Amino acid sequence: AEPFARTIVEGKGGIVPGQQVLVDVDVYVPDFFTSPPQFPLFDLPNALVTLAGGRSQNLSETIDGVQYTGIRKTYVIVPQISGTYALPEFGIDFSHSSDGKPVKATVNAPAVSFSVEGSAEEGEQRVTFAASDLTVEQVFDHDARSMKVGDALTRTISITAQGTQAMMIPPLD
C-alpha cells in the first residue's frame, strides 16, 4: 500500500466569475502521518487562490482491505473571468510511518478543471461579485437633524456577505 492524493471540485455546475469554488485535496497514507502534509499555494491565471482558514479535516478510509488515514485541506479559488480553469498537478510533501519508521514522501494531487459561465458581454469589463446573504447597512453617529453649522457627522457603511472573502467585496460608489 502506497500513499496517494485525491482532488475534488465541490459544486462544479453553474459557477460564475467572482464566486468561490472549493477544491478539496485529500492525502492518504496506509498507516499514519508523522508530519503533516505541506499544501502549497499555486498560481492560476485570472483567479485568486488561497487555502481555507481553519484546521485540516482528518479522514479514514478502507480500500481493498487496507486502512488508510487521510488529511483534507480545502483550496478556495475565486475565478475573475469566464472560461475553463485547469488546476495543475502539484506535489505535497509529508512524512508517514512505514514498518514503524518515519518515511519522507511526496504525492501528486491530480489535476482537475472546472468551467465558469460568462456574465458580461464580450469585451465588457464588469465587476462581478457572487455571495449569499448580502447585507449593506449604514449608521450615523448621531441624528443629522440636530446638527448645527460646524458639527461633524460620521457615516459608517458595513457590508456583510456569506460565502466569500472580505477582500473580494468590491468598493461602493
Protein backbone atom coordinates (compact mmCIF):
# COMPACT_ATOMS: atom_id res chain seq x y z
CA ALA A 1 0.00 0.00 0.00
CA GLU A 2 1.31 3.41 -1.01
CA PRO A 3 0.32 6.99 -0.14
CA PHE A 4 -1.89 8.78 -2.67
CA ALA A 5 -3.87 12.01 -3.16
CA ARG A 6 -7.34 12.89 -4.45
CA THR A 7 -8.63 16.23 -5.75
CA ILE A 8 -12.35 17.04 -5.76
CA VAL A 9 -14.08 20.21 -7.04
CA GLU A 10 -17.19 20.90 -4.94
CA GLY A 11 -20.29 22.01 -6.89
CA LYS A 12 -18.95 22.11 -10.45
CA GLY A 13 -22.11 23.42 -12.15
CA GLY A 14 -23.32 26.99 -12.62
CA ILE A 15 -20.16 28.78 -11.48
CA VAL A 16 -19.94 32.50 -12.31
CA PRO A 17 -16.98 34.91 -12.12
CA GLY A 18 -16.41 36.13 -8.57
CA GLN A 19 -17.95 33.02 -6.98
CA GLN A 20 -15.86 30.95 -4.57
CA VAL A 21 -15.02 27.47 -5.82
CA LEU A 22 -13.94 24.98 -3.15
CA VAL A 23 -11.39 22.34 -4.12
CA ASP A 24 -10.73 19.58 -1.59
CA VAL A 25 -7.33 17.87 -1.68
CA ASP A 26 -7.11 14.63 0.31
CA VAL A 27 -3.79 12.94 1.14
CA TYR A 28 -3.92 9.31 2.32
CA VAL A 29 -1.26 7.06 3.88
CA PRO A 30 -1.57 3.35 4.75
CA ASP A 31 -0.53 3.82 8.40
CA PHE A 32 -0.33 7.28 10.00
CA PHE A 33 1.32 10.64 9.40
CA THR A 34 4.49 11.53 11.30
CA SER A 35 4.47 15.08 9.91
CA PRO A 36 1.56 16.98 8.36
CA PRO A 37 1.24 17.39 4.60
CA GLN A 38 2.58 20.70 3.28
CA PHE A 39 -0.13 22.02 0.96
CA PRO A 40 1.47 24.59 -1.38
CA LEU A 41 -0.21 27.60 -2.94
CA PHE A 42 -0.09 27.74 -6.72
CA ASP A 43 -0.75 30.35 -9.38
CA LEU A 44 -3.84 30.10 -11.53
CA PRO A 45 -4.22 32.79 -14.24
CA ASN A 46 -7.25 35.08 -13.77
CA ALA A 47 -8.08 33.62 -10.35
CA LEU A 48 -7.30 34.19 -6.69
CA VAL A 49 -6.12 31.01 -4.91
CA THR A 50 -6.00 30.71 -1.11
CA LEU A 51 -6.16 27.93 1.45
CA ALA A 52 -9.34 27.90 3.51
CA GLY A 53 -8.84 29.07 7.07
CA GLY A 54 -9.26 26.69 9.94
CA ARG A 55 -7.97 23.25 10.61
CA SER A 56 -7.46 20.39 8.23
CA GLN A 57 -10.02 17.60 8.31
CA ASN A 58 -8.93 14.11 9.40
CA LEU A 59 -10.13 11.21 7.25
CA SER A 60 -10.18 7.43 7.42
CA GLU A 61 -10.96 5.03 4.59
CA THR A 62 -10.57 1.32 3.83
CA ILE A 63 -9.58 0.50 0.25
CA ASP A 64 -9.10 -3.12 -0.87
CA GLY A 65 -8.84 -4.20 2.77
CA VAL A 66 -6.16 -1.62 3.63
CA GLN A 67 -6.94 1.00 6.28
CA TYR A 68 -5.80 4.48 5.18
CA THR A 69 -5.50 7.63 7.27
CA GLY A 70 -6.05 10.90 5.46
CA ILE A 71 -5.90 14.66 5.81
CA ARG A 72 -8.08 17.05 3.78
CA LYS A 73 -7.28 20.68 3.06
CA THR A 74 -9.56 22.93 1.05
CA TYR A 75 -8.42 25.49 -1.51
CA VAL A 76 -10.65 28.49 -2.16
CA ILE A 77 -10.46 29.66 -5.77
CA VAL A 78 -12.19 32.82 -6.97
CA PRO A 79 -12.23 33.00 -10.80
CA GLN A 80 -12.27 36.54 -12.18
CA ILE A 81 -13.46 35.86 -15.73
CA SER A 82 -15.44 33.18 -17.57
CA GLY A 83 -13.72 30.19 -19.17
CA THR A 84 -12.18 26.86 -18.22
CA TYR A 85 -9.83 26.74 -15.25
CA ALA A 86 -7.37 23.85 -15.09
CA LEU A 87 -5.72 23.32 -11.72
CA PRO A 88 -2.25 21.87 -12.20
CA GLU A 89 -0.97 18.66 -10.71
CA PHE A 90 1.21 19.62 -7.73
CA GLY A 91 3.34 17.81 -5.17
CA ILE A 92 2.55 17.56 -1.46
CA ASP A 93 5.39 16.68 0.95
CA PHE A 94 4.90 14.86 4.28
CA SER A 95 6.25 12.02 6.44
CA HIS A 96 4.42 8.85 7.38
CA SER A 97 5.05 5.62 9.24
CA SER A 98 6.19 2.57 7.28
CA ASP A 99 7.08 -0.56 9.22
CA GLY A 100 7.30 1.58 12.36
CA LYS A 101 9.81 4.04 10.87
CA PRO A 102 9.14 7.59 9.63
CA VAL A 103 9.48 7.89 5.85
CA LYS A 104 9.50 11.13 3.83
CA ALA A 105 7.17 11.06 0.85
CA THR A 106 5.63 13.22 -1.84
CA VAL A 107 2.34 12.57 -3.61
CA ASN A 108 0.93 14.48 -6.55
CA ALA A 109 -2.53 15.97 -6.26
CA PRO A 110 -4.26 15.10 -9.54
CA ALA A 111 -5.07 17.93 -11.95
CA VAL A 112 -8.74 18.93 -12.14
CA SER A 113 -10.70 21.55 -14.04
CA PHE A 114 -13.97 23.45 -13.85
CA SER A 115 -15.84 25.85 -16.12
CA VAL A 116 -17.03 29.35 -15.31
CA GLU A 117 -20.04 30.75 -17.17
CA GLY A 118 -19.87 34.21 -18.69
CA SER A 119 -21.62 37.11 -17.01
CA ALA A 120 -20.78 40.05 -19.28
CA GLU A 121 -20.85 40.81 -22.97
CA GLU A 122 -17.61 40.00 -24.76
CA GLY A 123 -15.07 42.76 -24.27
CA GLU A 124 -17.12 44.39 -21.50
CA GLN A 125 -15.25 44.99 -18.22
CA ARG A 126 -17.58 44.46 -15.28
CA VAL A 127 -17.01 43.70 -11.63
CA THR A 128 -18.82 40.52 -10.67
CA PHE A 129 -19.49 39.77 -7.04
CA ALA A 130 -21.03 36.44 -6.07
CA ALA A 131 -22.09 35.82 -2.48
CA SER A 132 -25.11 34.83 -0.41
CA ASP A 133 -26.89 36.67 2.38
CA LEU A 134 -25.53 40.07 1.34
CA THR A 135 -26.42 42.98 3.60
CA VAL A 136 -25.38 46.62 3.32
CA GLU A 137 -26.04 48.80 6.33
CA GLN A 138 -25.30 52.40 7.16
CA VAL A 139 -25.18 54.03 10.59
CA PHE A 140 -24.74 57.68 11.55
CA ASP A 141 -23.09 58.58 14.84
CA HIS A 142 -25.98 60.94 15.69
CA ASP A 143 -29.13 62.42 14.22
CA ALA A 144 -28.28 64.84 11.38
CA ARG A 145 -31.44 66.87 12.05
CA SER A 146 -29.99 68.15 15.33
CA MET A 147 -26.74 69.36 13.77
CA LYS A 148 -25.53 72.94 13.75
CA VAL A 149 -23.08 74.62 11.39
CA GLY A 150 -19.57 73.27 12.07
CA ASP A 151 -20.72 69.95 13.64
CA ALA A 152 -19.19 66.73 12.36
CA LEU A 153 -21.14 63.69 11.23
CA THR A 154 -19.70 60.19 10.85
CA ARG A 155 -21.35 57.74 8.46
CA THR A 156 -20.32 54.06 8.72
CA ILE A 157 -21.20 51.64 5.90
CA SER A 158 -20.92 47.91 6.68
CA ILE A 159 -21.10 45.14 4.08
CA THR A 160 -21.63 41.56 5.24
CA ALA A 161 -21.72 38.56 2.90
CA GLN A 162 -21.63 34.79 3.35
CA GLY A 163 -19.66 32.52 1.03
CA THR A 164 -16.90 34.98 0.09
CA GLN A 165 -13.75 36.56 1.43
CA ALA A 166 -13.70 40.17 2.60
CA MET A 167 -11.09 41.13 0.01
CA MET A 168 -13.45 40.05 -2.79
CA ILE A 169 -16.17 42.54 -1.81
CA PRO A 170 -15.97 45.39 -4.35
CA PRO A 171 -15.82 49.00 -3.14
CA LEU A 172 -19.05 51.00 -3.08
CA ASP A 173 -19.54 54.03 -5.33
